[in-house]
């Protein structure tokens, strides 16, 4: 197919009057001018966004934990409520939730998601006869929605540092290293049945996995795919830092840098509480920081040192994590606004090379997200997968709309969804802000929420 765009954001900046040729899901040519027979995009075209961190089942939990407890709420009290909630979920339920979530992601401009998947077992904690039953529910939901999927099975072994026994609320997560590695192998096989998907791993955190288990899991996935993504929760909470210091004598990121060989295929999720040496170590290793601003704000985690990290050449991606928001625009807005509040300045995450904060953040987040998922996406160039968004011309026309200000208007000035059409892997999934499965998915999801709320 061919797609003509009057305005299009290419890797080297905005361009006018370009026709993309798309074959087998990839951009094979970008030509100047309109080519006869090309479909005409009804608005500016920009790269799709990658969601680097998702716990799909938590979408059904959004809104259930905002009641408060006399000022004592924290990540840890939230987690207790979450454990009680997931005691009710079957594999069919997870499929319903994930499908609804992935359609919502597509409609807001996410074209690929990294699913940090740790809900593995039956409600009573027993293994499913087929270990990848829950993983298959995720693969199927992604395929039915059309979103690109990077599945990250999670290794979860302990409830805390020092190999503390898992709690009852964690019984659906727990694996031995051997069983986990077999699950990963099964997921690699399963992925071959689903287009536009790949597999990595996610050692949950340093508190949930010991050094031996972490090293064994990394060695196994590296034997299957040397470039497989590896994601880990790290330094999200101050308590985690204190507990790591007490157990290992080092801060979490410092310990990881000293004991594990990080590279560009690692994504450190949150990494909120890091010092200067840890920040510079992440950058030197070429690992990605996976920042989830709306979830980190909702949980009271803290604020990642984004300004220093980017000034020193760090790579970042964004994620919706607990799905208190499913909107890349809001994630990027919070990313910038948190820095403004700390520094009492404006336009903090602009650069000398790119004065537009919005444009700078959209491009860097999309490219970092592509790296975090080992996916051939993130920018519109020949050879990349055709994952793109068409913005609604009628909506962008109501705000500053020249090229330098267009993405700034999208992120900082508009309150409605400007994403009109969404293409993933060369296929239109959203047209005129509609997905052909959204009504069926929403009805099933609404019914499930009613049952879970009873």
Protein backbone atom coordinates (compact mmCIF):
# COMPACT_ATOMS: atom_id res chain seq x y z
CA UNK A 1 0.00 0.00 0.00
CA UNK A 2 0.94 3.65 -0.30
CA UNK A 3 0.16 6.44 2.16
CA UNK A 4 0.49 10.13 1.38
CA UNK A 5 1.05 12.63 4.21
CA UNK A 6 1.02 16.39 3.79
CA UNK A 7 2.88 16.59 7.12
CA UNK A 8 4.95 13.74 8.52
CA UNK A 9 7.44 13.40 11.36
CA UNK A 10 10.41 11.47 9.98
CA UNK A 11 13.51 10.47 11.93
CA UNK A 12 15.30 13.69 11.00
CA UNK A 13 12.34 15.96 11.64
CA UNK A 14 9.18 17.23 10.01
CA UNK A 15 8.73 16.83 6.27
CA UNK A 16 6.01 17.83 3.82
CA UNK A 17 4.23 16.03 1.00
CA UNK A 18 5.68 12.54 1.32
CA UNK A 19 4.36 9.19 0.12
CA UNK A 20 5.23 6.06 2.09
CA UNK A 21 5.32 2.71 0.35
CA UNK A 22 4.53 -0.11 2.78
CA UNK A 23 5.13 -3.78 1.93
CA UNK A 24 4.70 -6.69 4.34
CA UNK A 25 4.33 -4.29 7.23
CA UNK A 26 7.53 -2.34 6.55
CA UNK A 27 8.25 1.04 5.04
CA UNK A 28 10.11 0.28 1.81
CA UNK A 29 10.24 3.77 0.31
CA UNK A 30 9.57 7.40 1.19
CA UNK A 31 9.09 9.55 -1.89
CA UNK A 32 8.45 13.25 -2.35
CA UNK A 33 5.06 14.27 -3.62
CA UNK A 34 1.82 12.41 -4.12
CA UNK A 35 1.98 9.07 -5.94
CA UNK A 36 -1.12 8.11 -7.89
CA UNK A 37 -3.36 5.73 -5.97
CA UNK A 38 -1.93 6.49 -2.55
CA UNK A 39 -4.29 6.75 0.41
CA UNK A 40 -4.29 10.28 1.82
CA UNK A 41 -3.73 10.69 5.56
CA UNK A 42 -6.31 13.10 6.96
CA UNK A 43 -3.88 14.84 9.28
CA UNK A 44 -0.23 14.95 10.41
CA UNK A 45 1.51 11.57 10.65
CA UNK A 46 3.82 10.69 13.55
CA UNK A 47 5.47 7.49 14.83
CA UNK A 48 3.46 5.26 17.16
CA UNK A 49 4.50 5.12 20.81
CA UNK A 50 5.86 2.06 22.63
CA UNK A 51 4.56 1.22 26.10
CA UNK A 52 7.60 -0.23 27.89
CA UNK A 53 5.85 -1.44 31.05
CA UNK A 54 2.42 -2.99 31.50
CA UNK A 55 0.74 -5.23 34.06
CA UNK A 56 -2.40 -5.92 32.03
CA UNK A 57 -4.52 -7.40 34.82
CA UNK A 58 -4.12 -4.21 36.87
CA UNK A 59 -6.31 -2.34 34.36
CA UNK A 60 -9.35 -3.94 36.02
CA UNK A 61 -8.03 -2.84 39.42
CA UNK A 62 -7.70 0.86 38.49
CA UNK A 63 -9.92 2.92 40.78
CA UNK A 64 -10.29 0.24 43.46
CA UNK A 65 -7.51 1.54 45.71
CA UNK A 66 -8.19 5.25 46.18
CA UNK A 67 -10.16 5.10 49.46
CA UNK A 68 -7.34 6.06 51.83
CA UNK A 69 -6.42 4.79 55.29
CA UNK A 70 -5.89 7.73 57.63
CA UNK A 71 -2.89 9.04 55.75
CA UNK A 72 -1.04 5.73 55.92
CA UNK A 73 -1.43 4.68 52.29
CA UNK A 74 1.69 3.73 50.35
CA UNK A 75 2.86 1.41 47.61
CA UNK A 76 2.86 -1.40 50.18
CA UNK A 77 -0.77 -0.92 51.27
CA UNK A 78 -1.78 -0.64 47.61
CA UNK A 79 -0.02 -3.93 46.94
CA UNK A 80 -2.07 -5.74 49.61
CA UNK A 81 -5.30 -4.63 47.96
CA UNK A 82 -3.96 -5.72 44.58
CA UNK A 83 -3.14 -9.21 45.89
CA UNK A 84 -6.71 -9.59 47.20
CA UNK A 85 -8.08 -8.53 43.82
CA UNK A 86 -6.08 -10.96 41.69
CA UNK A 87 -7.26 -13.90 43.82
CA UNK A 88 -10.42 -13.78 41.67
CA UNK A 89 -8.96 -13.78 38.15
CA UNK A 90 -9.08 -16.74 35.76
CA UNK A 91 -7.17 -17.03 32.48
CA UNK A 92 -10.36 -16.09 30.63
CA UNK A 93 -10.67 -13.00 32.82
CA UNK A 94 -7.09 -11.99 32.06
CA UNK A 95 -7.81 -12.32 28.35
CA UNK A 96 -10.87 -10.05 28.66
CA UNK A 97 -8.93 -7.44 30.64
CA UNK A 98 -5.89 -7.46 28.36
CA UNK A 99 -7.97 -7.17 25.19
CA UNK A 100 -9.84 -4.15 26.54
CA UNK A 101 -6.60 -2.58 27.72
CA UNK A 102 -4.77 -3.11 24.44
CA UNK A 103 -7.61 -1.58 22.43
CA UNK A 104 -7.49 1.43 24.78
CA UNK A 105 -3.74 1.67 24.24
CA UNK A 106 -4.13 1.62 20.47
CA UNK A 107 -6.79 4.31 20.52
CA UNK A 108 -4.47 6.59 22.53
CA UNK A 109 -1.41 6.04 20.32
CA UNK A 110 0.50 3.08 21.76
CA UNK A 111 1.35 0.67 18.95
CA UNK A 112 3.45 -1.82 20.94
CA UNK A 113 3.48 -2.97 24.56
CA UNK A 114 5.97 -4.74 26.80
CA UNK A 115 3.89 -6.96 29.08
CA UNK A 116 5.63 -7.53 32.43
CA UNK A 117 3.73 -10.77 32.99
CA UNK A 118 3.84 -12.34 36.44
CA UNK A 119 0.36 -13.82 36.94
CA UNK A 120 1.30 -17.40 36.03
CA UNK A 121 -0.66 -19.92 38.11
CA UNK A 122 -4.20 -20.91 39.01
CA UNK A 123 -6.16 -19.08 41.70
CA UNK A 124 -5.08 -21.57 44.38
CA UNK A 125 -1.44 -21.29 43.33
CA UNK A 126 -1.29 -24.65 41.53
CA UNK A 127 0.41 -24.87 38.17
CA UNK A 128 -1.77 -24.99 35.09
CA UNK A 129 -1.43 -28.26 33.15
CA UNK A 130 0.02 -26.08 30.40
CA UNK A 131 2.49 -23.72 32.07
CA UNK A 132 1.98 -21.00 29.45
CA UNK A 133 -1.82 -20.85 29.86
CA UNK A 134 -1.80 -17.31 31.23
CA UNK A 135 0.85 -16.23 28.72
CA UNK A 136 -1.33 -17.54 25.89
CA UNK A 137 -4.21 -15.42 27.17
CA UNK A 138 -1.98 -12.35 26.79
CA UNK A 139 -0.74 -13.37 23.34
CA UNK A 140 -4.32 -13.95 22.20
CA UNK A 141 -5.56 -10.62 23.53
CA UNK A 142 -2.73 -8.79 21.77
CA UNK A 143 -3.43 -10.62 18.50
CA UNK A 144 -7.16 -9.85 18.67
CA UNK A 145 -6.50 -6.17 19.33
CA UNK A 146 -3.63 -6.00 16.82
CA UNK A 147 -1.09 -4.31 19.10
CA UNK A 148 2.54 -5.38 18.88
CA UNK A 149 3.56 -7.45 21.89
CA UNK A 150 6.80 -8.05 23.74
CA UNK A 151 5.97 -10.65 26.39
CA UNK A 152 8.21 -10.61 29.45
CA UNK A 153 7.53 -13.60 31.71
CA UNK A 154 8.46 -12.64 35.26
CA UNK A 155 10.73 -14.63 37.55
CA UNK A 156 9.37 -14.16 41.09
CA UNK A 157 10.76 -16.36 43.89
CA UNK A 158 10.75 -14.57 47.25
CA UNK A 159 8.81 -11.97 49.22
CA UNK A 160 11.88 -10.00 50.21
CA UNK A 161 15.66 -9.77 50.42
CA UNK A 162 17.35 -12.76 52.04
CA UNK A 163 15.15 -15.32 50.25
CA UNK A 164 12.15 -14.64 52.47
CA UNK A 165 9.34 -17.09 51.83
CA UNK A 166 6.63 -15.90 49.48
CA UNK A 167 3.38 -14.72 51.03
CA UNK A 168 0.00 -16.22 50.27
CA UNK A 169 -0.80 -13.21 48.09
CA UNK A 170 2.18 -14.07 45.87
CA UNK A 171 1.33 -17.73 45.33
CA UNK A 172 0.27 -17.18 41.72
CA UNK A 173 3.65 -15.65 40.81
CA UNK A 174 6.22 -18.07 42.21
CA UNK A 175 8.56 -20.21 40.12
CA UNK A 176 11.72 -22.19 40.65
CA UNK A 177 14.42 -21.09 38.22
CA UNK A 178 14.14 -24.39 36.35
CA UNK A 179 10.36 -24.14 35.92
CA UNK A 180 10.67 -20.49 34.95
CA UNK A 181 13.24 -21.21 32.26
CA UNK A 182 10.95 -23.87 30.83
CA UNK A 183 8.11 -21.34 30.76
CA UNK A 184 10.34 -18.92 28.86
CA UNK A 185 11.18 -21.61 26.32
CA UNK A 186 7.47 -22.38 25.95
CA UNK A 187 6.74 -18.70 25.36
CA UNK A 188 9.38 -18.50 22.64
CA UNK A 189 7.63 -21.38 20.88
CA UNK A 190 4.21 -19.80 21.45
CA UNK A 191 5.37 -16.48 20.04
CA UNK A 192 5.96 -18.09 16.64
CA UNK A 193 2.18 -18.55 16.35
CA UNK A 194 1.50 -14.84 16.85
CA UNK A 195 2.51 -12.17 14.35
CA UNK A 196 4.35 -9.06 15.52
CA UNK A 197 5.37 -10.53 18.88
CA UNK A 198 8.61 -11.40 20.64
CA UNK A 199 9.73 -12.63 24.07
CA UNK A 200 12.20 -11.52 26.71
CA UNK A 201 12.27 -11.94 30.49
CA UNK A 202 11.66 -9.88 33.59
CA UNK A 203 13.39 -10.84 36.84
CA UNK A 204 10.86 -9.10 39.05
CA UNK A 205 13.20 -7.22 41.40
CA UNK A 206 16.24 -7.75 43.58
CA UNK A 207 13.94 -8.40 46.53
CA UNK A 208 12.08 -11.16 44.65
CA UNK A 209 15.02 -12.89 42.91
CA UNK A 210 18.44 -13.77 44.30
CA UNK A 211 21.74 -13.49 42.44
CA UNK A 212 21.86 -17.15 41.43
CA UNK A 213 18.33 -17.14 40.06
CA UNK A 214 18.91 -13.86 38.23
CA UNK A 215 22.10 -15.09 36.58
CA UNK A 216 20.54 -18.42 35.57
CA UNK A 217 17.48 -16.77 34.03
CA UNK A 218 19.61 -14.31 32.07
CA UNK A 219 21.88 -17.09 30.81
CA UNK A 220 18.88 -19.12 29.64
CA UNK A 221 17.18 -16.33 27.70
CA UNK A 222 20.51 -15.28 26.21
CA UNK A 223 20.97 -18.83 24.90
CA UNK A 224 17.59 -18.49 23.15
CA UNK A 225 18.07 -14.94 21.86
CA UNK A 226 21.16 -12.81 22.45
CA UNK A 227 19.13 -9.64 21.96
CA UNK A 228 16.07 -10.56 24.02
CA UNK A 229 14.83 -7.68 26.20
CA UNK A 230 15.45 -8.02 29.95
CA UNK A 231 13.41 -5.78 32.24
CA UNK A 232 13.58 -5.47 36.03
CA UNK A 233 11.83 -3.38 38.68
CA UNK A 234 14.57 -1.48 40.48
CA UNK A 235 14.78 1.24 43.17
CA UNK A 236 11.09 2.10 42.93
CA UNK A 237 10.62 2.69 46.66
CA UNK A 238 12.85 4.11 49.40
CA UNK A 239 12.14 1.02 51.52
CA UNK A 240 13.53 -1.14 48.74
CA UNK A 241 16.75 0.90 48.77
CA UNK A 242 17.06 0.62 52.56
CA UNK A 243 16.40 -3.13 52.50
CA UNK A 244 18.94 -3.66 49.73
CA UNK A 245 21.57 -1.70 51.65
CA UNK A 246 20.89 -3.80 54.73
CA UNK A 247 21.13 -7.09 52.83
CA UNK A 248 23.78 -6.48 50.16
CA UNK A 249 25.56 -3.45 51.52
CA UNK A 250 24.84 -1.63 48.25
CA UNK A 251 22.02 0.36 46.72
CA UNK A 252 19.90 -1.62 44.20
CA UNK A 253 21.22 -0.13 40.96
CA UNK A 254 24.79 -0.11 42.29
CA UNK A 255 24.49 -3.81 43.14
CA UNK A 256 23.03 -4.60 39.73
CA UNK A 257 25.83 -2.75 37.94
CA UNK A 258 28.49 -4.51 40.02
CA UNK A 259 27.10 -8.03 39.70
CA UNK A 260 25.29 -8.30 36.37
CA UNK A 261 26.54 -7.37 32.91
CA UNK A 262 24.01 -4.80 31.73
CA UNK A 263 23.77 -3.70 28.12
CA UNK A 264 21.42 -1.94 25.69
CA UNK A 265 18.91 -4.79 25.94
CA UNK A 266 18.21 -4.14 29.63
CA UNK A 267 15.41 -1.85 30.78
CA UNK A 268 15.47 -0.68 34.40
CA UNK A 269 11.87 -0.01 35.36
CA UNK A 270 11.39 3.06 37.59
CA UNK A 271 15.00 3.40 38.86
CA UNK A 272 13.49 6.29 40.79
CA UNK A 273 15.82 6.43 43.78
CA UNK A 274 19.33 6.54 42.33
CA UNK A 275 22.39 8.61 43.13
CA UNK A 276 24.79 10.26 40.69
CA UNK A 277 27.06 7.24 40.39
CA UNK A 278 24.15 4.91 39.70
CA UNK A 279 22.73 7.31 37.14
CA UNK A 280 26.02 7.50 35.31
CA UNK A 281 26.43 3.73 35.54
CA UNK A 282 23.09 3.15 33.83
CA UNK A 283 24.10 5.48 31.03
CA UNK A 284 27.54 3.88 30.63
CA UNK A 285 25.95 0.43 30.40
CA UNK A 286 23.57 1.71 27.67
CA UNK A 287 20.60 0.31 29.61
CA UNK A 288 17.24 2.06 29.28
CA UNK A 289 15.35 3.74 32.10
CA UNK A 290 11.68 2.71 31.95
CA UNK A 291 9.79 5.63 33.51
CA UNK A 292 6.08 5.38 34.40
CA UNK A 293 5.16 8.89 35.57
CA UNK A 294 1.41 8.49 36.21
CA UNK A 295 1.79 5.24 38.15
CA UNK A 296 4.79 6.57 40.07
CA UNK A 297 2.71 9.62 41.00
CA UNK A 298 -0.33 7.53 41.90
CA UNK A 299 1.72 5.27 44.18
CA UNK A 300 3.73 8.10 45.69
CA UNK A 301 6.99 6.53 44.52
CA UNK A 302 9.04 9.62 43.81
CA UNK A 303 10.46 11.37 40.75
CA UNK A 304 13.15 10.05 38.41
CA UNK A 305 16.08 12.48 37.81
CA UNK A 306 15.09 12.91 34.18
CA UNK A 307 16.85 16.21 33.55
CA UNK A 308 20.29 15.02 34.61
CA UNK A 309 19.79 11.63 32.97
CA UNK A 310 18.94 13.10 29.57
CA UNK A 311 21.59 15.82 29.77
CA UNK A 312 24.18 13.09 30.27
CA UNK A 313 22.99 11.06 27.29
CA UNK A 314 20.65 8.54 28.91
CA UNK A 315 17.97 6.63 27.02
CA UNK A 316 14.43 6.36 28.38
CA UNK A 317 11.09 4.81 27.56
CA UNK A 318 7.65 5.33 29.07
CA UNK A 319 5.12 2.86 30.43
CA UNK A 320 1.58 2.91 31.78
CA UNK A 321 2.38 0.24 34.42
CA UNK A 322 -0.75 -0.01 36.62
CA UNK A 323 -2.92 1.72 33.96
CA UNK A 324 -4.24 4.42 36.22
CA UNK A 325 -3.80 6.24 32.91
CA UNK A 326 -3.53 4.67 29.47
CA UNK A 327 -2.28 7.68 27.56
CA UNK A 328 1.26 8.40 26.30
CA UNK A 329 0.48 12.11 26.11
CA UNK A 330 -0.24 12.18 29.84
CA UNK A 331 2.92 10.20 30.65
CA UNK A 332 5.08 12.69 28.76
CA UNK A 333 3.25 15.66 30.23
CA UNK A 334 3.86 14.34 33.76
CA UNK A 335 7.47 13.59 32.90
CA UNK A 336 8.09 17.24 32.03
CA UNK A 337 5.85 18.77 34.69
CA UNK A 338 7.53 16.86 37.51
CA UNK A 339 10.85 18.41 36.47
CA UNK A 340 9.27 21.87 36.29
CA UNK A 341 7.89 21.52 39.82
CA UNK A 342 11.22 20.38 41.23
CA UNK A 343 13.24 23.09 39.47
CA UNK A 344 10.63 25.85 39.34
CA UNK A 345 11.47 26.34 35.67
CA UNK A 346 9.70 25.80 32.36
CA UNK A 347 10.55 23.78 29.25
CA UNK A 348 13.10 21.79 31.21
CA UNK A 349 13.43 18.81 28.87
CA UNK A 350 14.12 20.81 25.73
CA UNK A 351 17.64 20.80 24.30
CA UNK A 352 19.79 23.20 22.31
CA UNK A 353 19.27 20.97 19.29
CA UNK A 354 15.51 20.58 19.83
CA UNK A 355 13.70 23.53 21.39
CA UNK A 356 10.33 21.77 21.35
CA UNK A 357 9.87 19.84 24.59
CA UNK A 358 7.04 17.79 23.15
CA UNK A 359 8.85 16.83 19.96
CA UNK A 360 12.02 15.99 21.87
CA UNK A 361 10.17 13.74 24.32
CA UNK A 362 7.95 12.00 21.74
CA UNK A 363 10.85 11.04 19.52
CA UNK A 364 13.14 9.96 22.35
CA UNK A 365 10.41 7.96 24.11
CA UNK A 366 9.41 6.19 20.90
CA UNK A 367 13.00 5.30 20.04
CA UNK A 368 13.81 4.26 23.60
CA UNK A 369 10.66 2.16 23.68
CA UNK A 370 11.70 0.42 20.49
CA UNK A 371 15.08 -0.38 22.03
CA UNK A 372 13.43 -1.64 25.22
CA UNK A 373 11.36 -4.15 23.24
CA UNK A 374 13.95 -5.13 20.62
CA UNK A 375 11.39 -4.07 18.03
CA UNK A 376 11.97 -2.56 14.60
CA UNK A 377 9.79 0.46 15.34
CA UNK A 378 10.07 3.91 16.93
CA UNK A 379 10.65 6.12 13.90
CA UNK A 380 9.43 6.49 10.33
CA UNK A 381 12.31 5.55 8.06
CA UNK A 382 12.84 3.05 5.27
CA UNK A 383 13.33 -0.42 6.75
CA UNK A 384 11.29 0.20 9.89
CA UNK A 385 7.92 -1.36 10.62
CA UNK A 386 4.97 0.85 9.67
CA UNK A 387 3.67 1.73 13.13
CA UNK A 388 2.22 5.21 12.84
CA UNK A 389 -0.48 7.60 14.01
CA UNK A 390 -2.58 10.09 12.06
CA UNK A 391 -3.58 13.08 14.16
CA UNK A 392 -7.05 14.58 13.69
CA UNK A 393 -6.67 17.68 11.53
CA UNK A 394 -9.84 19.25 12.93
CA UNK A 395 -8.42 19.01 16.46
CA UNK A 396 -4.83 20.07 15.79
CA UNK A 397 -6.24 23.12 13.94
CA UNK A 398 -7.55 24.48 17.23
CA UNK A 399 -4.06 24.83 18.74
CA UNK A 400 -0.63 26.08 17.70
CA UNK A 401 -0.14 23.93 14.64
CA UNK A 402 3.05 24.83 12.86
CA UNK A 403 5.61 22.07 12.84
CA UNK A 404 7.69 23.42 15.71
CA UNK A 405 4.67 23.61 18.03
CA UNK A 406 2.41 20.77 16.89
CA UNK A 407 3.60 18.06 19.31
CA UNK A 408 3.82 20.63 22.11
CA UNK A 409 0.15 21.42 21.49
CA UNK A 410 -0.68 17.72 21.50
CA UNK A 411 1.03 17.10 24.85
CA UNK A 412 0.59 20.33 26.79
CA UNK A 413 -2.44 22.18 25.39
CA UNK A 414 -5.09 19.67 24.35
CA UNK A 415 -7.47 17.79 26.61
CA UNK A 416 -9.05 15.43 24.07
CA UNK A 417 -7.55 12.51 22.20
CA UNK A 418 -6.03 13.78 18.94
CA UNK A 419 -5.20 10.30 17.59
CA UNK A 420 -7.57 9.65 14.71
CA UNK A 421 -6.09 6.65 12.87
CA UNK A 422 -3.55 4.05 13.99
CA UNK A 423 -1.52 1.71 11.82
CA UNK A 424 0.44 -1.23 13.25
CA UNK A 425 2.68 -3.41 11.12
CA UNK A 426 1.18 -1.89 7.98
CA UNK A 427 -2.44 -2.54 8.99
CA UNK A 428 -5.05 0.04 9.99
CA UNK A 429 -6.38 -0.89 13.44
CA UNK A 430 -8.01 2.40 14.39
CA UNK A 431 -9.96 4.45 11.85
CA UNK A 432 -11.79 7.59 12.91
CA UNK A 433 -10.95 6.72 16.54
CA UNK A 434 -12.78 3.38 16.30
CA UNK A 435 -11.56 -0.22 16.66
CA UNK A 436 -13.73 -2.92 15.12
CA UNK A 437 -13.57 -5.00 18.32
CA UNK A 438 -14.07 -2.23 20.84
CA UNK A 439 -17.79 -2.68 21.53
CA UNK A 440 -17.55 -6.43 22.07
CA UNK A 441 -14.42 -6.00 24.21
CA UNK A 442 -15.96 -3.21 26.31
CA UNK A 443 -19.14 -5.16 26.98
CA UNK A 444 -17.20 -8.22 28.16
CA UNK A 445 -14.92 -6.05 30.30
CA UNK A 446 -17.81 -4.13 31.87
CA UNK A 447 -19.55 -7.38 32.78
CA UNK A 448 -16.35 -8.69 34.36
CA UNK A 449 -15.88 -5.51 36.41
CA UNK A 450 -19.46 -5.87 37.66
CA UNK A 451 -18.75 -9.43 38.77
CA UNK A 452 -15.44 -8.51 40.41
CA UNK A 453 -17.11 -5.64 42.27
CA UNK A 454 -19.87 -7.81 43.70
